[in-house]
């Protein structure tokens, strides 16, 4: 069985919705995305197996396995990610703000009832974490630029600068070189603008 966690990222916390197929289970709260840094960031998007584990401190609970560069990531109750989480995931019955929610224990009980029953029947459970794709232009402008597009933007700026240098050269250049300079300016400007 696959459980999907669809996330929405904010500067101070990450909110999500858990689904079993198309059926909504509960909301989630997590720390903000800070490049998977231990104890201060939510875990990366991906596909993780959930297993049932017992400890004296927590009793039976869900462990998220094979998280890159992290261990001990569990699903446990919390109502404020900044104060109560160190990279784990907390279910919530409702959301009250970025990384904040209410009635976490009630939501956890609902999730565990569903997942423990499947695990007890030897069914494998996977948690698939993805980001919400309904990003409008305002959110895109405010969101950090992905690394690939930063590189593309820098290449575009370099091409535009090279083309500008050719066009403003203090010496007479062949027509083909001046034409190339114009193309570089246009291509570099478009590449930079789209990447940004």
C-alpha atoms as a PDB file:
ATOM      1  CA  UNK A   1       0.000   0.000   0.000  1.00  0.00           C
ATOM      2  CA  UNK A   2       1.201   3.499  -0.795  1.00  0.00           C
ATOM      3  CA  UNK A   3       0.404   6.501   1.368  1.00  0.00           C
ATOM      4  CA  UNK A   4       1.015   9.861  -0.286  1.00  0.00           C
ATOM      5  CA  UNK A   5       2.144  12.944   1.606  1.00  0.00           C
ATOM      6  CA  UNK A   6       1.562  16.081  -0.460  1.00  0.00           C
ATOM      7  CA  UNK A   7       3.556  18.963   1.013  1.00  0.00           C
ATOM      8  CA  UNK A   8       3.340  22.734   0.940  1.00  0.00           C
ATOM      9  CA  UNK A   9       6.537  24.488   2.041  1.00  0.00           C
ATOM     10  CA  UNK A  10       6.729  27.662   4.124  1.00  0.00           C
ATOM     11  CA  UNK A  11       9.657  29.534   5.672  1.00  0.00           C
ATOM     12  CA  UNK A  12       8.779  28.467   9.220  1.00  0.00           C
ATOM     13  CA  UNK A  13       7.286  25.022   8.650  1.00  0.00           C
ATOM     14  CA  UNK A  14       5.955  22.489   6.187  1.00  0.00           C
ATOM     15  CA  UNK A  15       2.301  21.494   5.995  1.00  0.00           C
ATOM     16  CA  UNK A  16       0.966  18.434   4.243  1.00  0.00           C
ATOM     17  CA  UNK A  17      -1.964  16.197   3.509  1.00  0.00           C
ATOM     18  CA  UNK A  18      -1.838  12.393   3.809  1.00  0.00           C
ATOM     19  CA  UNK A  19      -3.818  10.256   1.382  1.00  0.00           C
ATOM     20  CA  UNK A  20      -4.542   6.541   1.107  1.00  0.00           C
ATOM     21  CA  UNK A  21      -5.207   6.399  -2.618  1.00  0.00           C
ATOM     22  CA  UNK A  22      -7.713   9.208  -3.161  1.00  0.00           C
ATOM     23  CA  UNK A  23      -8.984   9.117   0.431  1.00  0.00           C
ATOM     24  CA  UNK A  24      -7.789  11.901   2.735  1.00  0.00           C
ATOM     25  CA  UNK A  25      -6.414  10.594   6.046  1.00  0.00           C
ATOM     26  CA  UNK A  26      -5.177  13.673   7.902  1.00  0.00           C
ATOM     27  CA  UNK A  27      -2.959  16.745   7.720  1.00  0.00           C
ATOM     28  CA  UNK A  28       0.733  16.743   8.672  1.00  0.00           C
ATOM     29  CA  UNK A  29       3.190  19.265  10.057  1.00  0.00           C
ATOM     30  CA  UNK A  30       6.972  19.223   9.699  1.00  0.00           C
ATOM     31  CA  UNK A  31       9.968  21.496  10.006  1.00  0.00           C
ATOM     32  CA  UNK A  32      10.769  23.746   7.024  1.00  0.00           C
ATOM     33  CA  UNK A  33      12.935  22.430   4.187  1.00  0.00           C
ATOM     34  CA  UNK A  34      16.548  23.323   5.068  1.00  0.00           C
ATOM     35  CA  UNK A  35      18.508  21.004   2.732  1.00  0.00           C
ATOM     36  CA  UNK A  36      17.898  17.902   4.882  1.00  0.00           C
ATOM     37  CA  UNK A  37      20.001  19.240   7.772  1.00  0.00           C
ATOM     38  CA  UNK A  38      19.676  16.995  10.808  1.00  0.00           C
ATOM     39  CA  UNK A  39      17.274  18.178  13.544  1.00  0.00           C
ATOM     40  CA  UNK A  40      16.244  21.411  11.729  1.00  0.00           C
ATOM     41  CA  UNK A  41      14.864  20.254   8.356  1.00  0.00           C
ATOM     42  CA  UNK A  42      12.083  18.030   7.117  1.00  0.00           C
ATOM     43  CA  UNK A  43      13.248  14.988   5.174  1.00  0.00           C
ATOM     44  CA  UNK A  44      13.630  15.046   1.362  1.00  0.00           C
ATOM     45  CA  UNK A  45      10.832  14.147  -0.987  1.00  0.00           C
ATOM     46  CA  UNK A  46      10.967  10.503  -2.009  1.00  0.00           C
ATOM     47  CA  UNK A  47       9.613   7.014  -1.367  1.00  0.00           C
ATOM     48  CA  UNK A  48      10.197   5.472   2.059  1.00  0.00           C
ATOM     49  CA  UNK A  49       9.068   2.215   3.607  1.00  0.00           C
ATOM     50  CA  UNK A  50       7.144   2.463   6.879  1.00  0.00           C
ATOM     51  CA  UNK A  51       7.712  -0.199   9.498  1.00  0.00           C
ATOM     52  CA  UNK A  52       6.146  -0.844  12.883  1.00  0.00           C
ATOM     53  CA  UNK A  53       8.621  -0.513  15.736  1.00  0.00           C
ATOM     54  CA  UNK A  54       8.435  -0.773  19.522  1.00  0.00           C
ATOM     55  CA  UNK A  55      10.437   1.212  22.070  1.00  0.00           C
ATOM     56  CA  UNK A  56       9.888   1.652  25.819  1.00  0.00           C
ATOM     57  CA  UNK A  57       9.650   5.428  25.371  1.00  0.00           C
ATOM     58  CA  UNK A  58       7.058   5.489  22.565  1.00  0.00           C
ATOM     59  CA  UNK A  59       5.489   2.016  22.501  1.00  0.00           C
ATOM     60  CA  UNK A  60       4.420   0.901  19.016  1.00  0.00           C
ATOM     61  CA  UNK A  61       4.997   3.567  16.374  1.00  0.00           C
ATOM     62  CA  UNK A  62       5.846   4.084  12.697  1.00  0.00           C
ATOM     63  CA  UNK A  63       9.471   4.363  11.601  1.00  0.00           C
ATOM     64  CA  UNK A  64      10.322   5.974   8.247  1.00  0.00           C
ATOM     65  CA  UNK A  65      13.207   3.926   6.819  1.00  0.00           C
ATOM     66  CA  UNK A  66      16.114   4.621   4.467  1.00  0.00           C
ATOM     67  CA  UNK A  67      15.985   8.408   4.668  1.00  0.00           C
ATOM     68  CA  UNK A  68      19.186   9.749   3.038  1.00  0.00           C
ATOM     69  CA  UNK A  69      21.748  10.858   5.662  1.00  0.00           C
ATOM     70  CA  UNK A  70      19.146  10.590   8.452  1.00  0.00           C
ATOM     71  CA  UNK A  71      17.931   7.979  10.907  1.00  0.00           C
ATOM     72  CA  UNK A  72      15.349   7.746  13.651  1.00  0.00           C
ATOM     73  CA  UNK A  73      12.672   9.537  11.628  1.00  0.00           C
ATOM     74  CA  UNK A  74       9.304   8.550  13.064  1.00  0.00           C
ATOM     75  CA  UNK A  75       5.694   9.620  12.845  1.00  0.00           C
ATOM     76  CA  UNK A  76       4.613  10.933  16.235  1.00  0.00           C
ATOM     77  CA  UNK A  77       2.216  13.491  17.729  1.00  0.00           C
ATOM     78  CA  UNK A  78       3.148  17.188  17.835  1.00  0.00           C
ATOM     79  CA  UNK A  79       1.230  20.426  17.435  1.00  0.00           C
ATOM     80  CA  UNK A  80       4.176  22.785  16.789  1.00  0.00           C
ATOM     81  CA  UNK A  81       6.974  21.614  14.500  1.00  0.00           C
ATOM     82  CA  UNK A  82       9.540  24.175  15.656  1.00  0.00           C
ATOM     83  CA  UNK A  83       9.148  23.240  19.323  1.00  0.00           C
ATOM     84  CA  UNK A  84       8.356  19.533  19.157  1.00  0.00           C
ATOM     85  CA  UNK A  85       9.963  18.010  16.047  1.00  0.00           C
ATOM     86  CA  UNK A  86      13.555  17.290  15.024  1.00  0.00           C
ATOM     87  CA  UNK A  87      12.904  16.125  11.477  1.00  0.00           C
ATOM     88  CA  UNK A  88      10.026  13.744  12.160  1.00  0.00           C
ATOM     89  CA  UNK A  89       6.478  13.922  10.791  1.00  0.00           C
ATOM     90  CA  UNK A  90       3.459  14.747  12.952  1.00  0.00           C
ATOM     91  CA  UNK A  91      -0.134  14.058  11.892  1.00  0.00           C
ATOM     92  CA  UNK A  92      -2.699  16.778  12.659  1.00  0.00           C
ATOM     93  CA  UNK A  93      -6.495  16.935  12.576  1.00  0.00           C
ATOM     94  CA  UNK A  94      -6.383  20.552  11.403  1.00  0.00           C
ATOM     95  CA  UNK A  95      -3.750  23.135  10.480  1.00  0.00           C
ATOM     96  CA  UNK A  96      -3.376  26.428  12.321  1.00  0.00           C
ATOM     97  CA  UNK A  97      -0.338  27.846  10.505  1.00  0.00           C
ATOM     98  CA  UNK A  98       2.944  26.836   8.868  1.00  0.00           C
ATOM     99  CA  UNK A  99       4.231  23.839  10.833  1.00  0.00           C
ATOM    100  CA  UNK A 100       1.393  24.082  13.346  1.00  0.00           C
ATOM    101  CA  UNK A 101      -1.759  22.035  13.891  1.00  0.00           C
ATOM    102  CA  UNK A 102      -4.318  20.738  16.372  1.00  0.00           C
ATOM    103  CA  UNK A 103      -5.355  17.356  17.781  1.00  0.00           C
ATOM    104  CA  UNK A 104      -2.251  15.515  16.658  1.00  0.00           C
ATOM    105  CA  UNK A 105      -2.863  12.436  18.818  1.00  0.00           C
ATOM    106  CA  UNK A 106      -6.334  11.948  17.343  1.00  0.00           C
ATOM    107  CA  UNK A 107      -4.926  12.142  13.792  1.00  0.00           C
ATOM    108  CA  UNK A 108      -2.097   9.748  14.708  1.00  0.00           C
ATOM    109  CA  UNK A 109      -4.584   7.203  16.061  1.00  0.00           C
ATOM    110  CA  UNK A 110      -6.503   7.357  12.771  1.00  0.00           C
ATOM    111  CA  UNK A 111      -3.317   6.876  10.733  1.00  0.00           C
ATOM    112  CA  UNK A 112      -1.967   4.070  12.924  1.00  0.00           C
ATOM    113  CA  UNK A 113      -5.295   2.196  12.847  1.00  0.00           C
ATOM    114  CA  UNK A 114      -5.090   2.133   9.057  1.00  0.00           C
ATOM    115  CA  UNK A 115      -1.376   1.359   8.733  1.00  0.00           C
ATOM    116  CA  UNK A 116      -0.948  -1.085  11.640  1.00  0.00           C
ATOM    117  CA  UNK A 117      -3.809  -3.223  10.315  1.00  0.00           C
ATOM    118  CA  UNK A 118      -2.082  -3.522   6.925  1.00  0.00           C
ATOM    119  CA  UNK A 119       1.341  -4.149   8.490  1.00  0.00           C
ATOM    120  CA  UNK A 120      -0.119  -6.852  10.742  1.00  0.00           C
ATOM    121  CA  UNK A 121      -1.269  -8.618   7.555  1.00  0.00           C
ATOM    122  CA  UNK A 122       2.348  -8.521   6.272  1.00  0.00           C
ATOM    123  CA  UNK A 123       1.561  -5.859   3.687  1.00  0.00           C
ATOM    124  CA  UNK A 124       4.379  -3.450   2.821  1.00  0.00           C
ATOM    125  CA  UNK A 125       3.557   0.224   3.340  1.00  0.00           C
ATOM    126  CA  UNK A 126       5.381   2.998   1.501  1.00  0.00           C
ATOM    127  CA  UNK A 127       5.238   6.718   2.210  1.00  0.00           C
ATOM    128  CA  UNK A 128       5.578   8.766  -0.984  1.00  0.00           C
ATOM    129  CA  UNK A 129       6.418  12.403  -0.298  1.00  0.00           C
ATOM    130  CA  UNK A 130       5.867  14.994  -3.027  1.00  0.00           C
ATOM    131  CA  UNK A 131       5.335  18.714  -3.143  1.00  0.00           C
ATOM    132  CA  UNK A 132       2.046  20.332  -4.020  1.00  0.00           C
ATOM    133  CA  UNK A 133       2.205  21.311  -7.685  1.00  0.00           C
ATOM    134  CA  UNK A 134      -0.404  24.048  -7.665  1.00  0.00           C
ATOM    135  CA  UNK A 135       2.103  26.878  -7.480  1.00  0.00           C
ATOM    136  CA  UNK A 136       0.860  30.220  -8.744  1.00  0.00           C
ATOM    137  CA  UNK A 137       3.122  33.003 -10.007  1.00  0.00           C
ATOM    138  CA  UNK A 138       3.256  34.797  -6.624  1.00  0.00           C
ATOM    139  CA  UNK A 139       4.417  31.636  -4.807  1.00  0.00           C
ATOM    140  CA  UNK A 140       6.947  30.866  -7.565  1.00  0.00           C
ATOM    141  CA  UNK A 141       8.466  34.353  -7.297  1.00  0.00           C
ATOM    142  CA  UNK A 142       8.745  34.035  -3.502  1.00  0.00           C
ATOM    143  CA  UNK A 143      10.091  30.455  -3.584  1.00  0.00           C
ATOM    144  CA  UNK A 144      13.841  29.802  -3.808  1.00  0.00           C
ATOM    145  CA  UNK A 145      15.237  29.277  -7.297  1.00  0.00           C
ATOM    146  CA  UNK A 146      16.169  25.606  -7.861  1.00  0.00           C
ATOM    147  CA  UNK A 147      19.897  24.928  -8.364  1.00  0.00           C
ATOM    148  CA  UNK A 148      19.526  23.881 -12.038  1.00  0.00           C
ATOM    149  CA  UNK A 149      17.800  27.156 -12.897  1.00  0.00           C
ATOM    150  CA  UNK A 150      20.411  29.179 -10.985  1.00  0.00           C
ATOM    151  CA  UNK A 151      23.093  27.613 -13.191  1.00  0.00           C
ATOM    152  CA  UNK A 152      21.003  28.254 -16.321  1.00  0.00           C
ATOM    153  CA  UNK A 153      20.403  31.869 -15.236  1.00  0.00           C
ATOM    154  CA  UNK A 154      24.144  32.428 -14.751  1.00  0.00           C
ATOM    155  CA  UNK A 155      24.900  30.972 -18.184  1.00  0.00           C
ATOM    156  CA  UNK A 156      22.277  33.308 -19.675  1.00  0.00           C
ATOM    157  CA  UNK A 157      23.791  36.328 -17.928  1.00  0.00           C
ATOM    158  CA  UNK A 158      27.238  35.356 -19.201  1.00  0.00           C
ATOM    159  CA  UNK A 159      25.968  34.999 -22.782  1.00  0.00           C
ATOM    160  CA  UNK A 160      24.161  38.353 -22.597  1.00  0.00           C
ATOM    161  CA  UNK A 161      27.281  40.066 -21.214  1.00  0.00           C
ATOM    162  CA  UNK A 162      29.456  38.545 -23.948  1.00  0.00           C
ATOM    163  CA  UNK A 163      26.983  39.664 -26.617  1.00  0.00           C
ATOM    164  CA  UNK A 164      26.832  43.145 -25.108  1.00  0.00           C
ATOM    165  CA  UNK A 165      30.632  43.365 -25.139  1.00  0.00           C
ATOM    166  CA  UNK A 166      30.710  42.412 -28.823  1.00  0.00           C
ATOM    167  CA  UNK A 167      28.009  44.955 -29.739  1.00  0.00           C
ATOM    168  CA  UNK A 168      29.698  47.802 -27.866  1.00  0.00           C
ATOM    169  CA  UNK A 169      33.257  46.997 -28.947  1.00  0.00           C
ATOM    170  CA  UNK A 170      35.176  50.242 -29.779  1.00  0.00           C
ATOM    171  CA  UNK A 171      36.522  48.708 -32.999  1.00  0.00           C
ATOM    172  CA  UNK A 172      34.845  47.770 -36.266  1.00  0.00           C
ATOM    173  CA  UNK A 173      33.969  44.081 -36.309  1.00  0.00           C
ATOM    174  CA  UNK A 174      32.786  41.894 -39.203  1.00  0.00           C
ATOM    175  CA  UNK A 175      29.009  41.843 -39.735  1.00  0.00           C
ATOM    176  CA  UNK A 176      28.816  38.124 -38.820  1.00  0.00           C
ATOM    177  CA  UNK A 177      30.442  38.786 -35.421  1.00  0.00           C
ATOM    178  CA  UNK A 178      28.105  41.734 -34.693  1.00  0.00           C
ATOM    179  CA  UNK A 179      25.089  39.593 -35.682  1.00  0.00           C
ATOM    180  CA  UNK A 180      26.335  36.829 -33.368  1.00  0.00           C
ATOM    181  CA  UNK A 181      26.627  39.403 -30.563  1.00  0.00           C
ATOM    182  CA  UNK A 182      22.982  40.389 -31.071  1.00  0.00           C
ATOM    183  CA  UNK A 183      21.877  36.744 -30.925  1.00  0.00           C
ATOM    184  CA  UNK A 184      23.904  36.198 -27.738  1.00  0.00           C
ATOM    185  CA  UNK A 185      22.249  39.189 -26.043  1.00  0.00           C
ATOM    186  CA  UNK A 186      18.744  38.013 -26.960  1.00  0.00           C
ATOM    187  CA  UNK A 187      19.359  34.331 -26.112  1.00  0.00           C
ATOM    188  CA  UNK A 188      21.115  35.169 -22.833  1.00  0.00           C
ATOM    189  CA  UNK A 189      18.410  37.632 -21.764  1.00  0.00           C
ATOM    190  CA  UNK A 190      15.600  35.184 -22.500  1.00  0.00           C
ATOM    191  CA  UNK A 191      17.429  32.330 -20.740  1.00  0.00           C
ATOM    192  CA  UNK A 192      18.065  34.484 -17.643  1.00  0.00           C
ATOM    193  CA  UNK A 193      14.514  35.799 -17.441  1.00  0.00           C
ATOM    194  CA  UNK A 194      12.892  32.378 -17.848  1.00  0.00           C
ATOM    195  CA  UNK A 195      15.281  30.744 -15.345  1.00  0.00           C
ATOM    196  CA  UNK A 196      14.692  33.425 -12.728  1.00  0.00           C
END
